[in-house]
């Protein structure tokens, strides 16, 4: 492997951009999909939910570990793990929204 420096640089840049993208979009798409929130209110909800960075990092690592383990061990296992992770992610999102309900009240619309 002669190009390990290029691969490491590419992996670092990809990780950086994925962290930035996840930080910006972790809740806003779900708010648009599940509720009829205006853009400004959805952006406020995103800012509030992104304050809990430790939770988001742990949750992201768990998702990567579970899906990655299913891919490495037995790919058809994704039939079970992908919906399970999606369901758990939905409940985590609902819990995060419930914890900051005042920011998502219709009075801001």
N, C-alpha and C. Protein backbone atom coordinates (compact mmCIF):
# COMPACT_ATOMS: atom_id res chain seq x y z
N UNK A 1 0.84 -1.18 0.00
CA UNK A 1 0.00 0.00 0.00
C UNK A 1 0.87 1.24 0.00
N UNK A 2 1.10 1.78 -1.15
CA UNK A 2 1.98 2.93 -1.27
C UNK A 2 1.26 4.23 -0.95
N UNK A 3 -0.02 4.28 -1.11
CA UNK A 3 -0.76 5.53 -0.98
C UNK A 3 -1.48 5.66 0.36
N UNK A 4 -0.90 5.14 1.41
CA UNK A 4 -1.59 5.17 2.70
C UNK A 4 -1.79 6.58 3.21
N UNK A 5 -0.89 7.51 2.87
CA UNK A 5 -1.07 8.90 3.30
C UNK A 5 -2.27 9.54 2.60
N UNK A 6 -2.44 9.25 1.33
CA UNK A 6 -3.59 9.77 0.60
C UNK A 6 -4.89 9.18 1.12
N UNK A 7 -4.87 7.90 1.42
CA UNK A 7 -6.06 7.23 1.95
C UNK A 7 -6.40 7.79 3.33
N UNK A 8 -5.40 8.00 4.16
CA UNK A 8 -5.64 8.56 5.50
C UNK A 8 -6.18 9.99 5.40
N UNK A 9 -5.62 10.78 4.49
CA UNK A 9 -6.10 12.15 4.29
C UNK A 9 -7.54 12.15 3.80
N UNK A 10 -7.84 11.30 2.83
CA UNK A 10 -9.21 11.22 2.31
C UNK A 10 -10.18 10.77 3.40
N UNK A 11 -9.79 9.80 4.21
CA UNK A 11 -10.65 9.33 5.29
C UNK A 11 -10.88 10.43 6.33
N UNK A 12 -9.84 11.19 6.64
CA UNK A 12 -9.99 12.29 7.60
C UNK A 12 -10.92 13.37 7.05
N UNK A 13 -10.76 13.74 5.79
CA UNK A 13 -11.63 14.75 5.19
C UNK A 13 -13.08 14.26 5.10
N UNK A 14 -13.26 13.02 4.72
CA UNK A 14 -14.60 12.45 4.64
C UNK A 14 -15.25 12.43 6.02
N UNK A 15 -14.50 12.05 7.04
CA UNK A 15 -15.02 12.06 8.40
C UNK A 15 -15.41 13.46 8.83
N UNK A 16 -14.58 14.44 8.54
CA UNK A 16 -14.89 15.82 8.89
C UNK A 16 -16.19 16.28 8.24
N UNK A 17 -16.32 16.06 6.94
CA UNK A 17 -17.52 16.51 6.25
C UNK A 17 -18.77 15.74 6.69
N UNK A 18 -18.62 14.48 7.03
CA UNK A 18 -19.78 13.71 7.52
C UNK A 18 -20.21 14.21 8.90
N UNK A 19 -19.27 14.56 9.74
CA UNK A 19 -19.61 15.10 11.06
C UNK A 19 -20.33 16.44 10.91
N UNK A 20 -19.83 17.29 10.02
CA UNK A 20 -20.49 18.58 9.79
C UNK A 20 -21.89 18.37 9.24
N UNK A 21 -22.03 17.47 8.27
CA UNK A 21 -23.35 17.21 7.68
C UNK A 21 -24.31 16.63 8.73
N UNK A 22 -23.83 15.70 9.53
CA UNK A 22 -24.69 15.11 10.56
C UNK A 22 -25.10 16.14 11.59
N UNK A 23 -24.20 17.01 11.94
CA UNK A 23 -24.50 18.05 12.93
C UNK A 23 -25.57 19.01 12.40
N UNK A 24 -25.55 19.28 11.11
CA UNK A 24 -26.50 20.22 10.53
C UNK A 24 -27.84 19.56 10.24
N UNK A 25 -27.86 18.29 9.89
CA UNK A 25 -29.09 17.70 9.36
C UNK A 25 -29.70 16.59 10.21
N UNK A 26 -29.27 16.44 11.44
CA UNK A 26 -29.73 15.29 12.23
C UNK A 26 -31.22 15.33 12.54
N UNK A 27 -31.79 16.48 12.72
CA UNK A 27 -33.20 16.59 13.10
C UNK A 27 -34.04 17.29 12.05
N UNK A 28 -33.45 18.15 11.27
CA UNK A 28 -34.23 19.02 10.41
C UNK A 28 -35.03 18.24 9.37
N UNK A 29 -34.47 17.18 8.80
CA UNK A 29 -35.21 16.40 7.81
C UNK A 29 -36.39 15.67 8.44
N UNK A 30 -36.19 15.16 9.65
CA UNK A 30 -37.29 14.49 10.34
C UNK A 30 -38.39 15.48 10.70
N UNK A 31 -38.03 16.70 11.06
CA UNK A 31 -39.05 17.72 11.35
C UNK A 31 -39.87 18.05 10.12
N UNK A 32 -39.21 18.14 8.98
CA UNK A 32 -39.94 18.42 7.75
C UNK A 32 -40.82 17.23 7.35
N UNK A 33 -40.34 16.02 7.59
CA UNK A 33 -41.08 14.83 7.17
C UNK A 33 -42.25 14.51 8.10
N UNK A 34 -42.07 14.72 9.40
CA UNK A 34 -43.10 14.28 10.34
C UNK A 34 -44.07 15.37 10.75
N UNK A 35 -43.70 16.61 10.59
CA UNK A 35 -44.55 17.72 11.02
C UNK A 35 -44.57 18.78 9.93
N UNK A 36 -45.49 19.69 10.05
CA UNK A 36 -45.59 20.78 9.09
C UNK A 36 -44.98 22.04 9.71
N UNK A 37 -43.69 21.97 10.03
CA UNK A 37 -43.01 23.10 10.65
C UNK A 37 -42.49 24.05 9.58
N UNK A 38 -42.54 25.34 9.86
CA UNK A 38 -41.88 26.29 8.96
C UNK A 38 -40.36 26.14 9.04
N UNK A 39 -39.68 26.62 8.04
CA UNK A 39 -38.23 26.45 7.96
C UNK A 39 -37.51 27.05 9.16
N UNK A 40 -37.89 28.24 9.57
CA UNK A 40 -37.21 28.89 10.69
C UNK A 40 -37.36 28.09 11.99
N UNK A 41 -38.55 27.56 12.21
CA UNK A 41 -38.78 26.78 13.42
C UNK A 41 -38.00 25.46 13.37
N UNK A 42 -37.91 24.84 12.19
CA UNK A 42 -37.14 23.60 12.06
C UNK A 42 -35.65 23.88 12.29
N UNK A 43 -35.17 25.02 11.82
CA UNK A 43 -33.77 25.37 12.06
C UNK A 43 -33.51 25.61 13.54
N UNK A 44 -34.44 26.24 14.23
CA UNK A 44 -34.30 26.43 15.67
C UNK A 44 -34.27 25.09 16.39
N UNK A 45 -35.12 24.18 16.00
CA UNK A 45 -35.11 22.85 16.58
C UNK A 45 -33.82 22.11 16.34
N UNK A 46 -33.23 22.29 15.16
CA UNK A 46 -31.95 21.67 14.86
C UNK A 46 -30.85 22.22 15.75
N UNK A 47 -30.85 23.51 15.95
CA UNK A 47 -29.82 24.14 16.80
C UNK A 47 -29.94 23.64 18.23
N UNK A 48 -31.17 23.55 18.74
CA UNK A 48 -31.39 23.09 20.11
C UNK A 48 -30.99 21.63 20.26
N UNK A 49 -31.36 20.79 19.30
CA UNK A 49 -31.04 19.37 19.42
C UNK A 49 -29.56 19.10 19.25
N UNK A 50 -28.87 19.92 18.48
CA UNK A 50 -27.43 19.71 18.27
C UNK A 50 -26.60 20.11 19.48
N UNK A 51 -27.22 20.75 20.48
CA UNK A 51 -26.48 21.10 21.69
C UNK A 51 -26.06 19.86 22.47
N UNK A 52 -26.80 18.76 22.32
CA UNK A 52 -26.49 17.53 23.03
C UNK A 52 -25.53 16.69 22.18
N UNK A 53 -24.33 17.19 22.00
CA UNK A 53 -23.37 16.57 21.10
C UNK A 53 -22.92 15.19 21.59
N UNK A 54 -22.77 15.00 22.89
CA UNK A 54 -22.33 13.70 23.39
C UNK A 54 -23.31 12.61 23.01
N UNK A 55 -24.60 12.89 23.17
CA UNK A 55 -25.62 11.91 22.80
C UNK A 55 -25.54 11.60 21.32
N UNK A 56 -25.39 12.63 20.49
CA UNK A 56 -25.34 12.42 19.05
C UNK A 56 -24.13 11.60 18.65
N UNK A 57 -22.99 11.85 19.28
CA UNK A 57 -21.78 11.08 18.96
C UNK A 57 -21.92 9.61 19.37
N UNK A 58 -22.43 9.38 20.57
CA UNK A 58 -22.62 8.00 21.03
C UNK A 58 -23.62 7.28 20.13
N UNK A 59 -24.70 7.97 19.79
CA UNK A 59 -25.72 7.34 18.95
C UNK A 59 -25.14 7.02 17.56
N UNK A 60 -24.36 7.93 17.00
CA UNK A 60 -23.73 7.68 15.70
C UNK A 60 -22.77 6.51 15.74
N UNK A 61 -21.98 6.41 16.80
CA UNK A 61 -21.05 5.29 16.93
C UNK A 61 -21.82 3.98 17.06
N UNK A 62 -22.92 3.98 17.82
CA UNK A 62 -23.72 2.76 17.95
C UNK A 62 -24.32 2.34 16.60
N UNK A 63 -24.80 3.29 15.84
CA UNK A 63 -25.38 2.95 14.53
C UNK A 63 -24.31 2.36 13.63
N UNK A 64 -23.14 2.98 13.57
CA UNK A 64 -22.06 2.47 12.73
C UNK A 64 -21.64 1.08 13.20
N UNK A 65 -21.55 0.87 14.51
CA UNK A 65 -21.13 -0.43 15.04
C UNK A 65 -22.15 -1.52 14.73
N UNK A 66 -23.42 -1.24 14.92
CA UNK A 66 -24.45 -2.26 14.69
C UNK A 66 -24.56 -2.60 13.21
N UNK A 67 -24.66 -1.58 12.37
CA UNK A 67 -24.78 -1.84 10.93
C UNK A 67 -23.47 -2.43 10.39
N UNK A 68 -22.34 -1.91 10.86
CA UNK A 68 -21.06 -2.45 10.41
C UNK A 68 -20.87 -3.90 10.81
N UNK A 69 -21.27 -4.25 12.03
CA UNK A 69 -21.16 -5.65 12.47
C UNK A 69 -22.05 -6.54 11.64
N UNK A 70 -23.25 -6.06 11.28
CA UNK A 70 -24.12 -6.89 10.45
C UNK A 70 -23.54 -7.08 9.06
N UNK A 71 -22.89 -6.06 8.54
CA UNK A 71 -22.27 -6.20 7.22
C UNK A 71 -21.08 -7.15 7.26
N UNK A 72 -20.30 -7.08 8.33
CA UNK A 72 -19.12 -7.93 8.42
C UNK A 72 -19.46 -9.38 8.75
N UNK A 73 -20.42 -9.59 9.63
CA UNK A 73 -20.73 -10.94 10.09
C UNK A 73 -21.57 -11.69 9.07
N UNK A 74 -22.71 -11.10 8.71
CA UNK A 74 -23.66 -11.81 7.84
C UNK A 74 -24.57 -10.76 7.22
N UNK A 75 -24.35 -10.43 5.97
CA UNK A 75 -25.05 -9.32 5.34
C UNK A 75 -26.59 -9.44 5.41
N UNK A 76 -27.18 -10.62 5.24
CA UNK A 76 -28.64 -10.69 5.36
C UNK A 76 -29.16 -10.34 6.76
N UNK A 77 -28.27 -10.25 7.73
CA UNK A 77 -28.66 -9.82 9.07
C UNK A 77 -29.19 -8.39 9.06
N UNK A 78 -28.88 -7.63 8.01
CA UNK A 78 -29.40 -6.27 7.86
C UNK A 78 -30.92 -6.24 7.79
N UNK A 79 -31.53 -7.36 7.40
CA UNK A 79 -32.99 -7.44 7.38
C UNK A 79 -33.55 -7.20 8.78
N UNK A 80 -32.79 -7.57 9.80
CA UNK A 80 -33.22 -7.36 11.18
C UNK A 80 -32.64 -6.06 11.75
N UNK A 81 -31.34 -5.84 11.55
CA UNK A 81 -30.70 -4.72 12.23
C UNK A 81 -31.07 -3.36 11.66
N UNK A 82 -31.25 -3.24 10.35
CA UNK A 82 -31.56 -1.93 9.77
C UNK A 82 -32.91 -1.40 10.25
N UNK A 83 -34.00 -2.20 10.21
CA UNK A 83 -35.26 -1.68 10.76
C UNK A 83 -35.19 -1.43 12.27
N UNK A 84 -34.41 -2.26 12.97
CA UNK A 84 -34.27 -2.09 14.41
C UNK A 84 -33.59 -0.76 14.73
N UNK A 85 -32.51 -0.45 14.01
CA UNK A 85 -31.80 0.81 14.21
C UNK A 85 -32.68 1.98 13.79
N UNK A 86 -33.41 1.83 12.69
CA UNK A 86 -34.32 2.89 12.26
C UNK A 86 -35.41 3.17 13.27
N UNK A 87 -35.98 2.12 13.84
CA UNK A 87 -37.03 2.27 14.86
C UNK A 87 -36.47 2.93 16.11
N UNK A 88 -35.31 2.49 16.53
CA UNK A 88 -34.69 3.09 17.72
C UNK A 88 -34.31 4.55 17.46
N UNK A 89 -33.88 4.86 16.25
CA UNK A 89 -33.53 6.23 15.91
C UNK A 89 -34.77 7.11 15.94
N UNK A 90 -35.89 6.59 15.46
CA UNK A 90 -37.13 7.36 15.50
C UNK A 90 -37.52 7.67 16.95
N UNK A 91 -37.40 6.69 17.84
CA UNK A 91 -37.73 6.93 19.25
C UNK A 91 -36.74 7.90 19.90
N UNK A 92 -35.48 7.84 19.51
CA UNK A 92 -34.50 8.80 20.04
C UNK A 92 -34.83 10.21 19.57
N UNK A 93 -35.24 10.32 18.32
CA UNK A 93 -35.66 11.62 17.78
C UNK A 93 -36.88 12.14 18.53
N UNK A 94 -37.87 11.29 18.74
CA UNK A 94 -39.07 11.72 19.46
C UNK A 94 -38.73 12.11 20.90
N UNK A 95 -37.81 11.39 21.54
CA UNK A 95 -37.38 11.76 22.89
C UNK A 95 -36.66 13.09 22.92
N UNK A 96 -35.85 13.34 21.89
CA UNK A 96 -35.13 14.61 21.83
C UNK A 96 -36.11 15.76 21.60
N UNK A 97 -37.10 15.54 20.77
CA UNK A 97 -38.11 16.57 20.52
C UNK A 97 -38.95 16.79 21.78
N UNK A 98 -39.28 15.71 22.47
CA UNK A 98 -40.06 15.83 23.70
C UNK A 98 -39.33 16.57 24.80
N UNK A 99 -38.00 16.42 24.83
CA UNK A 99 -37.21 17.10 25.86
C UNK A 99 -37.16 18.60 25.64
N UNK A 100 -37.37 19.04 24.41
CA UNK A 100 -37.34 20.47 24.08
C UNK A 100 -38.66 20.90 23.46
N UNK A 101 -39.74 20.47 24.05
CA UNK A 101 -41.06 20.71 23.46
C UNK A 101 -41.37 22.20 23.30
N UNK A 102 -40.88 23.04 24.21
CA UNK A 102 -41.19 24.47 24.12
C UNK A 102 -40.62 25.09 22.84
N UNK A 103 -39.53 24.56 22.34
CA UNK A 103 -38.95 25.09 21.09
C UNK A 103 -39.77 24.68 19.88
N UNK A 104 -40.53 23.61 20.00
CA UNK A 104 -41.29 23.10 18.88
C UNK A 104 -42.77 23.40 18.99
N UNK A 105 -43.12 24.33 19.86
CA UNK A 105 -44.55 24.64 20.03
C UNK A 105 -45.06 25.42 18.83
N UNK A 106 -46.33 25.25 18.48
CA UNK A 106 -46.88 25.93 17.32
C UNK A 106 -46.92 27.45 17.46
N UNK A 107 -46.71 27.97 18.68
CA UNK A 107 -46.77 29.41 18.87
C UNK A 107 -45.64 30.14 18.14
N UNK A 108 -44.56 29.43 17.82
CA UNK A 108 -43.46 30.05 17.10
C UNK A 108 -43.72 30.11 15.59
N UNK A 109 -44.70 29.40 15.13
CA UNK A 109 -44.96 29.35 13.69
C UNK A 109 -45.53 30.65 13.18
